[in-house]
C-alpha cells in the first residue's frame, strides 16, 4: 500500500523584503507497507494418472518441487497433498511441508497408475466433501494437472461455483494442461482452461518447464515491493529512506522511473521515504538533514536564500 503526504506552509509576514527572493522547498513523506507473509497455506494437487501421464511422473515431481519452493518464499507454513484425478480411487499422498521437498518430488509417482479416470473436477469435489488434511482457517490453492480434457459431468462454471462456496477463506485455482496438441499432450484441456479463465487466470502449458508461473498473479501469494515509486520529483541529495523507523542505506534512486529501488525488502515492514519536492525554476536544493525517524509529522518550514 502506498500513501503520499505533501506538506505545504504559508509565507510568514515580514520575512520577504522587496530586495530579497526566497523559495520554500516543500517536504514530502511517502509511506509504503510491505505485505505480511502468509502464516498458513494449504495446497491440493490433483494429478491425472492415466497411461499417457504415467511416463511423466518424474517431470511432474520436479515441477511440483519447484512450485513448493516458490510457495515457501511467501509463506511461514504450508501443507501440500496429492490426489489422483480418478474419483473412484481413494488415493492420497501427503501432507508435506516446506521441510519435505524430496517427498513432494516423489509424491506424484506414489499415486497409483491404476487410477486412470480423467475426472479432476469430480475427484476434487469428492475429496473436499470428506474429512481431509485441509485447515478450515487456511487459504487454499488447488492445482490440477492433466495432458487432456476433464471428462466428468461437472462443468467448469459449476466447479467454480462450488469452490467459491467451499470455505470463507480464499480459494484459488491453477490449471496445468494441454493448450495445444503436441508430442507431450493428448488433447486440449478445454474445461481446465475454462476454469482458469473463470478465475481470471491463464492456464499453464503442461509441456513447459515452468509450472510455477501458474502462481504469478495470485491474490494469496503477494510479492515484496522492491520499487518504491515517489509521489513527487525529489530535490537532489534530499532523500532519506527508513525501514520501520530506522534509517537505511540499502537503496538506490532511479531518476528515470522516479523511484527508490530497495536492495533487501522485508515482509511486514513499513518503508518511509522523506525528501524535498524539487524547487521551482531558479530554486536551489538542500539536504533535509534535520528530520528524525520518529518525528515525520513534525516538519519545520525551511526557507532558502537565493540572493538580491
C-alpha atoms as a PDB file:
ATOM      1  CA  UNK A   1       0.000   0.000   0.000  1.00  0.00           C
ATOM      2  CA  UNK A   2       1.266   3.449  -0.846  1.00  0.00           C
ATOM      3  CA  UNK A   3       0.404   6.725   0.787  1.00  0.00           C
ATOM      4  CA  UNK A   4       1.849  10.099  -0.114  1.00  0.00           C
ATOM      5  CA  UNK A   5       1.788  13.192   2.054  1.00  0.00           C
ATOM      6  CA  UNK A   6       2.684  16.674   0.835  1.00  0.00           C
ATOM      7  CA  UNK A   7       3.054  19.344   3.495  1.00  0.00           C
ATOM      8  CA  UNK A   8       2.786  22.996   2.466  1.00  0.00           C
ATOM      9  CA  UNK A   9       3.139  26.152   4.556  1.00  0.00           C
ATOM     10  CA  UNK A  10       2.134  29.735   4.026  1.00  0.00           C
ATOM     11  CA  UNK A  11       4.664  32.583   3.983  1.00  0.00           C
ATOM     12  CA  UNK A  12       5.265  34.376   7.275  1.00  0.00           C
ATOM     13  CA  UNK A  13       4.612  38.128   7.112  1.00  0.00           C
ATOM     14  CA  UNK A  14       7.778  40.245   7.118  1.00  0.00           C
ATOM     15  CA  UNK A  15      10.211  37.507   6.009  1.00  0.00           C
ATOM     16  CA  UNK A  16      10.499  38.724   2.438  1.00  0.00           C
ATOM     17  CA  UNK A  17      11.668  42.269   1.632  1.00  0.00           C
ATOM     18  CA  UNK A  18      11.398  43.985  -1.726  1.00  0.00           C
ATOM     19  CA  UNK A  19      15.088  43.248  -2.378  1.00  0.00           C
ATOM     20  CA  UNK A  20      15.081  39.571  -1.292  1.00  0.00           C
ATOM     21  CA  UNK A  21      13.857  36.418  -3.077  1.00  0.00           C
ATOM     22  CA  UNK A  22      13.117  33.223  -1.134  1.00  0.00           C
ATOM     23  CA  UNK A  23      11.961  29.802  -2.357  1.00  0.00           C
ATOM     24  CA  UNK A  24      10.324  27.368   0.045  1.00  0.00           C
ATOM     25  CA  UNK A  25      11.036  23.682  -0.635  1.00  0.00           C
ATOM     26  CA  UNK A  26       8.056  21.521   0.308  1.00  0.00           C
ATOM     27  CA  UNK A  27       8.903  18.433   2.385  1.00  0.00           C
ATOM     28  CA  UNK A  28       7.275  15.180   1.264  1.00  0.00           C
ATOM     29  CA  UNK A  29       6.683  11.878   3.049  1.00  0.00           C
ATOM     30  CA  UNK A  30       5.809   8.753   1.038  1.00  0.00           C
ATOM     31  CA  UNK A  31       4.773   5.645   3.000  1.00  0.00           C
ATOM     32  CA  UNK A  32       4.756   2.047   1.716  1.00  0.00           C
ATOM     33  CA  UNK A  33       3.558  -1.062   3.547  1.00  0.00           C
ATOM     34  CA  UNK A  34       5.061  -4.405   2.598  1.00  0.00           C
ATOM     35  CA  UNK A  35       2.672  -7.383   2.589  1.00  0.00           C
ATOM     36  CA  UNK A  36       2.843  -9.739   5.525  1.00  0.00           C
ATOM     37  CA  UNK A  37       3.921 -13.346   4.910  1.00  0.00           C
ATOM     38  CA  UNK A  38       1.109 -15.906   4.872  1.00  0.00           C
ATOM     39  CA  UNK A  39       1.012 -17.779   8.148  1.00  0.00           C
ATOM     40  CA  UNK A  40      -0.633 -20.940   6.798  1.00  0.00           C
ATOM     41  CA  UNK A  41      -1.497 -22.134   3.296  1.00  0.00           C
ATOM     42  CA  UNK A  42      -2.920 -25.413   2.004  1.00  0.00           C
ATOM     43  CA  UNK A  43      -2.258 -26.754  -1.491  1.00  0.00           C
ATOM     44  CA  UNK A  44      -4.185 -29.602  -3.079  1.00  0.00           C
ATOM     45  CA  UNK A  45      -2.660 -31.077  -6.248  1.00  0.00           C
ATOM     46  CA  UNK A  46      -4.930 -33.181  -8.464  1.00  0.00           C
ATOM     47  CA  UNK A  47      -2.931 -35.267 -10.970  1.00  0.00           C
ATOM     48  CA  UNK A  48      -4.060 -37.230 -13.995  1.00  0.00           C
ATOM     49  CA  UNK A  49      -2.529 -40.727 -13.582  1.00  0.00           C
ATOM     50  CA  UNK A  50      -3.815 -42.217 -16.830  1.00  0.00           C
ATOM     51  CA  UNK A  51      -1.395 -44.122 -19.057  1.00  0.00           C
ATOM     52  CA  UNK A  52      -0.401 -41.024 -21.035  1.00  0.00           C
ATOM     53  CA  UNK A  53       0.741 -39.323 -17.821  1.00  0.00           C
ATOM     54  CA  UNK A  54       2.499 -42.233 -16.102  1.00  0.00           C
ATOM     55  CA  UNK A  55       5.752 -41.673 -18.001  1.00  0.00           C
ATOM     56  CA  UNK A  56       5.702 -38.014 -16.939  1.00  0.00           C
ATOM     57  CA  UNK A  57       5.731 -38.773 -13.210  1.00  0.00           C
ATOM     58  CA  UNK A  58       9.347 -37.674 -12.726  1.00  0.00           C
ATOM     59  CA  UNK A  59       8.837 -34.394 -14.560  1.00  0.00           C
ATOM     60  CA  UNK A  60       5.629 -33.822 -12.609  1.00  0.00           C
ATOM     61  CA  UNK A  61       7.503 -34.405  -9.351  1.00  0.00           C
ATOM     62  CA  UNK A  62      10.288 -31.993 -10.250  1.00  0.00           C
ATOM     63  CA  UNK A  63       7.755 -29.355 -11.256  1.00  0.00           C
ATOM     64  CA  UNK A  64       5.852 -29.824  -8.001  1.00  0.00           C
ATOM     65  CA  UNK A  65       9.087 -29.326  -6.047  1.00  0.00           C
ATOM     66  CA  UNK A  66       9.681 -26.073  -7.963  1.00  0.00           C
ATOM     67  CA  UNK A  67       6.149 -24.928  -7.102  1.00  0.00           C
ATOM     68  CA  UNK A  68       6.679 -25.803  -3.420  1.00  0.00           C
ATOM     69  CA  UNK A  69       9.960 -23.861  -3.374  1.00  0.00           C
ATOM     70  CA  UNK A  70       8.170 -20.829  -4.841  1.00  0.00           C
ATOM     71  CA  UNK A  71       5.375 -21.051  -2.270  1.00  0.00           C
ATOM     72  CA  UNK A  72       7.911 -21.321   0.554  1.00  0.00           C
ATOM     73  CA  UNK A  73       9.171 -17.811  -0.239  1.00  0.00           C
ATOM     74  CA  UNK A  74       5.749 -16.300   0.512  1.00  0.00           C
ATOM     75  CA  UNK A  75       4.606 -18.387   3.485  1.00  0.00           C
ATOM     76  CA  UNK A  76       5.624 -19.222   7.014  1.00  0.00           C
ATOM     77  CA  UNK A  77       3.993 -22.658   6.839  1.00  0.00           C
ATOM     78  CA  UNK A  78       2.293 -24.640   4.097  1.00  0.00           C
ATOM     79  CA  UNK A  79       0.841 -28.111   3.678  1.00  0.00           C
ATOM     80  CA  UNK A  80       0.590 -29.832   0.324  1.00  0.00           C
ATOM     81  CA  UNK A  81      -1.285 -33.027  -0.509  1.00  0.00           C
ATOM     82  CA  UNK A  82      -1.789 -35.046  -3.702  1.00  0.00           C
ATOM     83  CA  UNK A  83      -4.747 -36.970  -5.090  1.00  0.00           C
ATOM     84  CA  UNK A  84      -5.382 -38.596  -8.462  1.00  0.00           C
ATOM     85  CA  UNK A  85      -7.936 -37.299 -10.949  1.00  0.00           C
ATOM     86  CA  UNK A  86      -9.811 -40.605 -10.621  1.00  0.00           C
ATOM     87  CA  UNK A  87     -12.803 -40.215  -8.274  1.00  0.00           C
ATOM     88  CA  UNK A  88     -13.058 -43.997  -7.943  1.00  0.00           C
ATOM     89  CA  UNK A  89      -9.647 -44.256  -6.270  1.00  0.00           C
ATOM     90  CA  UNK A  90      -9.216 -43.453  -2.609  1.00  0.00           C
ATOM     91  CA  UNK A  91      -5.753 -42.146  -3.356  1.00  0.00           C
ATOM     92  CA  UNK A  92      -3.976 -39.559  -1.229  1.00  0.00           C
ATOM     93  CA  UNK A  93      -0.286 -38.844  -0.632  1.00  0.00           C
ATOM     94  CA  UNK A  94       0.824 -36.349   1.983  1.00  0.00           C
ATOM     95  CA  UNK A  95       0.506 -33.918   3.559  1.00  0.00           C
ATOM     96  CA  UNK A  96       4.016 -32.494   3.299  1.00  0.00           C
ATOM     97  CA  UNK A  97       5.504 -29.200   4.414  1.00  0.00           C
ATOM     98  CA  UNK A  98       8.389 -26.956   3.336  1.00  0.00           C
ATOM     99  CA  UNK A  99      10.909 -29.270   5.006  1.00  0.00           C
ATOM    100  CA  UNK A 100       9.952 -32.232   2.799  1.00  0.00           C
ATOM    101  CA  UNK A 101      10.804 -31.114  -0.727  1.00  0.00           C
ATOM    102  CA  UNK A 102      12.149 -34.545  -1.738  1.00  0.00           C
ATOM    103  CA  UNK A 103       8.911 -36.197  -0.584  1.00  0.00           C
ATOM    104  CA  UNK A 104       6.972 -33.635  -2.613  1.00  0.00           C
ATOM    105  CA  UNK A 105       9.045 -34.524  -5.676  1.00  0.00           C
ATOM    106  CA  UNK A 106       8.292 -38.232  -5.224  1.00  0.00           C
ATOM    107  CA  UNK A 107       4.604 -37.820  -4.388  1.00  0.00           C
ATOM    108  CA  UNK A 108       3.143 -37.920  -7.949  1.00  0.00           C
ATOM    109  CA  UNK A 109       4.808 -41.276  -8.674  1.00  0.00           C
ATOM    110  CA  UNK A 110       3.314 -42.713  -5.448  1.00  0.00           C
ATOM    111  CA  UNK A 111      -0.230 -42.211  -6.696  1.00  0.00           C
ATOM    112  CA  UNK A 112      -1.448 -45.469  -8.222  1.00  0.00           C
ATOM    113  CA  UNK A 113      -1.260 -45.702 -12.003  1.00  0.00           C
ATOM    114  CA  UNK A 114      -4.370 -47.884 -11.796  1.00  0.00           C
ATOM    115  CA  UNK A 115      -6.336 -44.704 -11.068  1.00  0.00           C
ATOM    116  CA  UNK A 116      -6.780 -43.930 -14.732  1.00  0.00           C
ATOM    117  CA  UNK A 117     -10.027 -41.943 -14.912  1.00  0.00           C
ATOM    118  CA  UNK A 118      -9.505 -38.337 -16.014  1.00  0.00           C
ATOM    119  CA  UNK A 119     -12.128 -36.597 -13.918  1.00  0.00           C
ATOM    120  CA  UNK A 120     -10.248 -33.957 -11.977  1.00  0.00           C
ATOM    121  CA  UNK A 121     -13.356 -31.927 -11.093  1.00  0.00           C
ATOM    122  CA  UNK A 122     -15.348 -34.797  -9.611  1.00  0.00           C
ATOM    123  CA  UNK A 123     -12.277 -36.209  -7.833  1.00  0.00           C
ATOM    124  CA  UNK A 124     -11.635 -32.822  -6.233  1.00  0.00           C
ATOM    125  CA  UNK A 125     -15.280 -32.448  -5.208  1.00  0.00           C
ATOM    126  CA  UNK A 126     -15.423 -35.889  -3.531  1.00  0.00           C
ATOM    127  CA  UNK A 127     -12.129 -35.283  -1.704  1.00  0.00           C
ATOM    128  CA  UNK A 128     -13.216 -31.888  -0.378  1.00  0.00           C
ATOM    129  CA  UNK A 129     -16.523 -33.301   0.833  1.00  0.00           C
ATOM    130  CA  UNK A 130     -14.849 -35.844   3.104  1.00  0.00           C
ATOM    131  CA  UNK A 131     -12.522 -35.435   6.075  1.00  0.00           C
ATOM    132  CA  UNK A 132      -9.121 -34.326   4.829  1.00  0.00           C
ATOM    133  CA  UNK A 133      -5.885 -32.566   5.763  1.00  0.00           C
ATOM    134  CA  UNK A 134      -7.081 -29.064   4.917  1.00  0.00           C
ATOM    135  CA  UNK A 135      -7.186 -26.435   7.638  1.00  0.00           C
ATOM    136  CA  UNK A 136     -10.556 -24.594   7.605  1.00  0.00           C
ATOM    137  CA  UNK A 137      -8.769 -21.345   8.557  1.00  0.00           C
ATOM    138  CA  UNK A 138      -6.136 -21.524   5.806  1.00  0.00           C
ATOM    139  CA  UNK A 139      -6.310 -20.174   2.278  1.00  0.00           C
ATOM    140  CA  UNK A 140      -6.332 -22.889  -0.374  1.00  0.00           C
ATOM    141  CA  UNK A 141      -4.704 -23.254  -3.787  1.00  0.00           C
ATOM    142  CA  UNK A 142      -5.933 -26.128  -5.968  1.00  0.00           C
ATOM    143  CA  UNK A 143      -3.645 -27.233  -8.798  1.00  0.00           C
ATOM    144  CA  UNK A 144      -4.973 -29.618 -11.456  1.00  0.00           C
ATOM    145  CA  UNK A 145      -2.564 -31.349 -13.841  1.00  0.00           C
ATOM    146  CA  UNK A 146      -3.658 -33.254 -16.950  1.00  0.00           C
ATOM    147  CA  UNK A 147      -2.498 -33.708 -20.538  1.00  0.00           C
ATOM    148  CA  UNK A 148      -6.074 -33.893 -21.861  1.00  0.00           C
ATOM    149  CA  UNK A 149      -9.544 -32.587 -21.143  1.00  0.00           C
ATOM    150  CA  UNK A 150     -11.511 -33.131 -17.929  1.00  0.00           C
ATOM    151  CA  UNK A 151     -14.143 -35.824 -18.514  1.00  0.00           C
ATOM    152  CA  UNK A 152     -16.614 -35.692 -15.615  1.00  0.00           C
ATOM    153  CA  UNK A 153     -20.185 -34.355 -15.819  1.00  0.00           C
ATOM    154  CA  UNK A 154     -19.241 -31.268 -13.753  1.00  0.00           C
ATOM    155  CA  UNK A 155     -18.901 -28.135 -15.872  1.00  0.00           C
ATOM    156  CA  UNK A 156     -16.238 -25.511 -15.310  1.00  0.00           C
ATOM    157  CA  UNK A 157     -18.833 -22.947 -14.174  1.00  0.00           C
ATOM    158  CA  UNK A 158     -20.390 -25.388 -11.700  1.00  0.00           C
ATOM    159  CA  UNK A 159     -16.935 -26.237 -10.328  1.00  0.00           C
ATOM    160  CA  UNK A 160     -16.183 -22.541  -9.866  1.00  0.00           C
ATOM    161  CA  UNK A 161     -19.498 -22.056  -8.075  1.00  0.00           C
ATOM    162  CA  UNK A 162     -18.723 -24.945  -5.726  1.00  0.00           C
ATOM    163  CA  UNK A 163     -15.191 -23.766  -4.930  1.00  0.00           C
ATOM    164  CA  UNK A 164     -16.445 -20.246  -4.235  1.00  0.00           C
ATOM    165  CA  UNK A 165     -18.819 -21.637  -1.617  1.00  0.00           C
ATOM    166  CA  UNK A 166     -16.437 -24.237  -0.180  1.00  0.00           C
ATOM    167  CA  UNK A 167     -14.898 -22.068   2.527  1.00  0.00           C
ATOM    168  CA  UNK A 168     -14.852 -18.484   3.747  1.00  0.00           C
ATOM    169  CA  UNK A 169     -11.121 -18.030   3.147  1.00  0.00           C
ATOM    170  CA  UNK A 170      -9.581 -17.513  -0.301  1.00  0.00           C
ATOM    171  CA  UNK A 171      -9.634 -20.406  -2.780  1.00  0.00           C
ATOM    172  CA  UNK A 172      -7.560 -20.155  -5.964  1.00  0.00           C
ATOM    173  CA  UNK A 173      -7.194 -22.497  -8.916  1.00  0.00           C
ATOM    174  CA  UNK A 174      -4.237 -23.208 -11.183  1.00  0.00           C
ATOM    175  CA  UNK A 175      -4.746 -25.296 -14.319  1.00  0.00           C
ATOM    176  CA  UNK A 176      -1.759 -27.059 -15.879  1.00  0.00           C
ATOM    177  CA  UNK A 177      -2.917 -28.745 -19.061  1.00  0.00           C
ATOM    178  CA  UNK A 178      -2.593 -29.022 -22.822  1.00  0.00           C
ATOM    179  CA  UNK A 179      -3.126 -25.693 -24.519  1.00  0.00           C
ATOM    180  CA  UNK A 180      -2.386 -27.239 -27.910  1.00  0.00           C
ATOM    181  CA  UNK A 181      -1.942 -30.764 -29.204  1.00  0.00           C
ATOM    182  CA  UNK A 182       1.787 -31.560 -29.170  1.00  0.00           C
ATOM    183  CA  UNK A 183       4.104 -34.521 -28.761  1.00  0.00           C
ATOM    184  CA  UNK A 184       3.751 -34.345 -24.953  1.00  0.00           C
ATOM    185  CA  UNK A 185      -0.012 -33.939 -24.793  1.00  0.00           C
ATOM    186  CA  UNK A 186      -3.031 -35.912 -25.933  1.00  0.00           C
ATOM    187  CA  UNK A 187      -5.865 -33.387 -26.267  1.00  0.00           C
ATOM    188  CA  UNK A 188      -6.549 -29.790 -25.366  1.00  0.00           C
ATOM    189  CA  UNK A 189      -7.734 -29.408 -21.761  1.00  0.00           C
ATOM    190  CA  UNK A 190     -10.685 -27.190 -22.603  1.00  0.00           C
ATOM    191  CA  UNK A 191     -12.504 -27.431 -19.252  1.00  0.00           C
ATOM    192  CA  UNK A 192      -9.309 -26.816 -17.261  1.00  0.00           C
ATOM    193  CA  UNK A 193      -8.624 -23.801 -19.476  1.00  0.00           C
ATOM    194  CA  UNK A 194     -12.189 -22.545 -18.989  1.00  0.00           C
ATOM    195  CA  UNK A 195     -11.968 -22.863 -15.197  1.00  0.00           C
ATOM    196  CA  UNK A 196      -8.705 -20.899 -15.283  1.00  0.00           C
ATOM    197  CA  UNK A 197     -10.416 -18.116 -17.225  1.00  0.00           C
ATOM    198  CA  UNK A 198     -13.242 -18.007 -14.660  1.00  0.00           C
ATOM    199  CA  UNK A 199     -10.538 -17.214 -12.090  1.00  0.00           C
ATOM    200  CA  UNK A 200      -9.132 -14.566 -14.445  1.00  0.00           C
ATOM    201  CA  UNK A 201      -6.026 -16.677 -14.878  1.00  0.00           C
ATOM    202  CA  UNK A 202      -4.244 -18.221 -17.842  1.00  0.00           C
ATOM    203  CA  UNK A 203      -3.754 -21.980 -17.821  1.00  0.00           C
ATOM    204  CA  UNK A 204      -0.149 -23.187 -17.932  1.00  0.00           C
ATOM    205  CA  UNK A 205       1.081 -25.334 -20.819  1.00  0.00           C
ATOM    206  CA  UNK A 206       1.794 -28.803 -19.451  1.00  0.00           C
ATOM    207  CA  UNK A 207       4.689 -29.196 -21.899  1.00  0.00           C
ATOM    208  CA  UNK A 208       6.524 -26.187 -20.418  1.00  0.00           C
ATOM    209  CA  UNK A 209       9.283 -26.375 -17.812  1.00  0.00           C
ATOM    210  CA  UNK A 210       7.924 -23.515 -15.693  1.00  0.00           C
ATOM    211  CA  UNK A 211       4.760 -24.697 -13.998  1.00  0.00           C
ATOM    212  CA  UNK A 212       5.482 -22.354 -11.073  1.00  0.00           C
ATOM    213  CA  UNK A 213       4.474 -19.472 -13.376  1.00  0.00           C
ATOM    214  CA  UNK A 214       0.902 -20.568 -12.692  1.00  0.00           C
ATOM    215  CA  UNK A 215       1.286 -18.934  -9.269  1.00  0.00           C
ATOM    216  CA  UNK A 216       2.025 -15.498 -10.727  1.00  0.00           C
ATOM    217  CA  UNK A 217      -0.767 -13.015 -10.209  1.00  0.00           C
ATOM    218  CA  UNK A 218      -2.019 -14.889  -7.146  1.00  0.00           C
ATOM    219  CA  UNK A 219      -4.033 -12.786  -4.696  1.00  0.00           C
ATOM    220  CA  UNK A 220      -2.729 -15.064  -1.934  1.00  0.00           C
ATOM    221  CA  UNK A 221       0.974 -15.082  -2.737  1.00  0.00           C
ATOM    222  CA  UNK A 222       1.808 -11.387  -2.645  1.00  0.00           C
ATOM    223  CA  UNK A 223       5.368 -10.489  -3.584  1.00  0.00           C
ATOM    224  CA  UNK A 224       7.577  -7.962  -1.863  1.00  0.00           C
ATOM    225  CA  UNK A 225       7.652  -4.393  -3.134  1.00  0.00           C
ATOM    226  CA  UNK A 226      11.194  -3.637  -4.258  1.00  0.00           C
ATOM    227  CA  UNK A 227      10.451  -0.460  -6.213  1.00  0.00           C
ATOM    228  CA  UNK A 228       9.008   2.492  -4.309  1.00  0.00           C
ATOM    229  CA  UNK A 229       7.549   4.997  -6.758  1.00  0.00           C
ATOM    230  CA  UNK A 230       7.764   8.521  -5.375  1.00  0.00           C
ATOM    231  CA  UNK A 231       4.779  10.865  -5.476  1.00  0.00           C
ATOM    232  CA  UNK A 232       6.902  13.933  -6.331  1.00  0.00           C
ATOM    233  CA  UNK A 233      10.223  14.682  -8.001  1.00  0.00           C
ATOM    234  CA  UNK A 234      12.824  14.880  -5.200  1.00  0.00           C
ATOM    235  CA  UNK A 235      15.395  17.621  -4.818  1.00  0.00           C
ATOM    236  CA  UNK A 236      18.948  16.402  -5.241  1.00  0.00           C
ATOM    237  CA  UNK A 237      20.537  14.789  -2.160  1.00  0.00           C
ATOM    238  CA  UNK A 238      17.401  15.259  -0.045  1.00  0.00           C
ATOM    239  CA  UNK A 239      16.177  11.636   0.003  1.00  0.00           C
ATOM    240  CA  UNK A 240      16.209   9.543   3.165  1.00  0.00           C
ATOM    241  CA  UNK A 241      14.725   6.051   3.490  1.00  0.00           C
ATOM    242  CA  UNK A 242      13.503   4.475   6.727  1.00  0.00           C
ATOM    243  CA  UNK A 243      12.577   0.857   7.431  1.00  0.00           C
ATOM    244  CA  UNK A 244      10.315   0.568  10.479  1.00  0.00           C
ATOM    245  CA  UNK A 245      11.618   3.963  11.723  1.00  0.00           C
ATOM    246  CA  UNK A 246      15.281   3.021  11.237  1.00  0.00           C
ATOM    247  CA  UNK A 247      17.200   4.864   8.544  1.00  0.00           C
ATOM    248  CA  UNK A 248      18.733   2.513   5.962  1.00  0.00           C
ATOM    249  CA  UNK A 249      21.248   2.934   3.153  1.00  0.00           C
ATOM    250  CA  UNK A 250      20.499  -0.239   1.151  1.00  0.00           C
ATOM    251  CA  UNK A 251      18.767   1.505  -1.726  1.00  0.00           C
ATOM    252  CA  UNK A 252      19.401   3.442  -4.914  1.00  0.00           C
ATOM    253  CA  UNK A 253      17.411   6.186  -6.586  1.00  0.00           C
ATOM    254  CA  UNK A 254      16.404   5.629 -10.214  1.00  0.00           C
ATOM    255  CA  UNK A 255      15.685   9.050 -11.758  1.00  0.00           C
ATOM    256  CA  UNK A 256      14.341   7.535 -14.990  1.00  0.00           C
ATOM    257  CA  UNK A 257      11.419   5.989 -13.102  1.00  0.00           C
ATOM    258  CA  UNK A 258      11.444   8.402 -10.152  1.00  0.00           C
ATOM    259  CA  UNK A 259      11.644   5.507  -7.733  1.00  0.00           C
ATOM    260  CA  UNK A 260      13.662   4.038  -4.895  1.00  0.00           C
ATOM    261  CA  UNK A 261      14.983   0.520  -5.518  1.00  0.00           C
ATOM    262  CA  UNK A 262      15.356  -1.446  -2.293  1.00  0.00           C
ATOM    263  CA  UNK A 263      18.201  -3.944  -2.042  1.00  0.00           C
ATOM    264  CA  UNK A 264      16.612  -6.278   0.533  1.00  0.00           C
ATOM    265  CA  UNK A 265      12.943  -5.511   1.273  1.00  0.00           C
ATOM    266  CA  UNK A 266      11.355  -7.349   4.184  1.00  0.00           C
ATOM    267  CA  UNK A 267       7.867  -8.766   4.652  1.00  0.00           C
ATOM    268  CA  UNK A 268       5.688  -6.859   7.091  1.00  0.00           C
ATOM    269  CA  UNK A 269       7.905  -3.763   7.178  1.00  0.00           C
ATOM    270  CA  UNK A 270       6.816  -0.174   6.615  1.00  0.00           C
ATOM    271  CA  UNK A 271       9.077   1.975   4.432  1.00  0.00           C
ATOM    272  CA  UNK A 272       9.042   5.755   4.696  1.00  0.00           C
ATOM    273  CA  UNK A 273      10.789   7.953   2.156  1.00  0.00           C
ATOM    274  CA  UNK A 274      11.355  11.606   3.045  1.00  0.00           C
ATOM    275  CA  UNK A 275      12.614  14.265   0.665  1.00  0.00           C
ATOM    276  CA  UNK A 276      12.105  17.777  -0.595  1.00  0.00           C
ATOM    277  CA  UNK A 277       9.929  18.338  -3.607  1.00  0.00           C
ATOM    278  CA  UNK A 278      12.003  19.786  -6.452  1.00  0.00           C
ATOM    279  CA  UNK A 279      12.242  23.573  -6.163  1.00  0.00           C
ATOM    280  CA  UNK A 280      10.621  25.894  -8.665  1.00  0.00           C
ATOM    281  CA  UNK A 281      12.745  27.206 -11.512  1.00  0.00           C
ATOM    282  CA  UNK A 282      15.591  29.270 -10.080  1.00  0.00           C
ATOM    283  CA  UNK A 283      15.436  27.463  -6.741  1.00  0.00           C
ATOM    284  CA  UNK A 284      18.204  25.613  -5.013  1.00  0.00           C
ATOM    285  CA  UNK A 285      18.151  22.151  -3.389  1.00  0.00           C
ATOM    286  CA  UNK A 286      19.329  21.369   0.128  1.00  0.00           C
ATOM    287  CA  UNK A 287      19.581  18.167   2.138  1.00  0.00           C
ATOM    288  CA  UNK A 288      16.804  17.525   4.636  1.00  0.00           C
ATOM    289  CA  UNK A 289      19.102  16.540   7.473  1.00  0.00           C
ATOM    290  CA  UNK A 290      17.031  17.696  10.443  1.00  0.00           C
ATOM    291  CA  UNK A 291      14.138  15.229  10.020  1.00  0.00           C
ATOM    292  CA  UNK A 292      14.306  12.408  12.574  1.00  0.00           C
ATOM    293  CA  UNK A 293      12.887   8.923  12.004  1.00  0.00           C
ATOM    294  CA  UNK A 294      10.309   9.241  14.775  1.00  0.00           C
ATOM    295  CA  UNK A 295       9.051  12.761  14.049  1.00  0.00           C
ATOM    296  CA  UNK A 296       7.803  12.621  10.480  1.00  0.00           C
ATOM    297  CA  UNK A 297       4.667  14.569  11.248  1.00  0.00           C
ATOM    298  CA  UNK A 298       6.539  17.407  12.938  1.00  0.00           C
ATOM    299  CA  UNK A 299       8.187  19.027   9.914  1.00  0.00           C
ATOM    300  CA  UNK A 300       9.583  22.526  10.195  1.00  0.00           C
ATOM    301  CA  UNK A 301       9.309  25.111   7.478  1.00  0.00           C
ATOM    302  CA  UNK A 302      12.528  25.857   5.618  1.00  0.00           C
ATOM    303  CA  UNK A 303      13.494  28.935   3.620  1.00  0.00           C
ATOM    304  CA  UNK A 304      16.368  29.147   1.188  1.00  0.00           C
ATOM    305  CA  UNK A 305      18.047  32.450   0.488  1.00  0.00           C
ATOM    306  CA  UNK A 306      18.697  32.931  -3.214  1.00  0.00           C
ATOM    307  CA  UNK A 307      20.169  36.436  -3.373  1.00  0.00           C
ATOM    308  CA  UNK A 308      19.256  40.035  -4.005  1.00  0.00           C
END
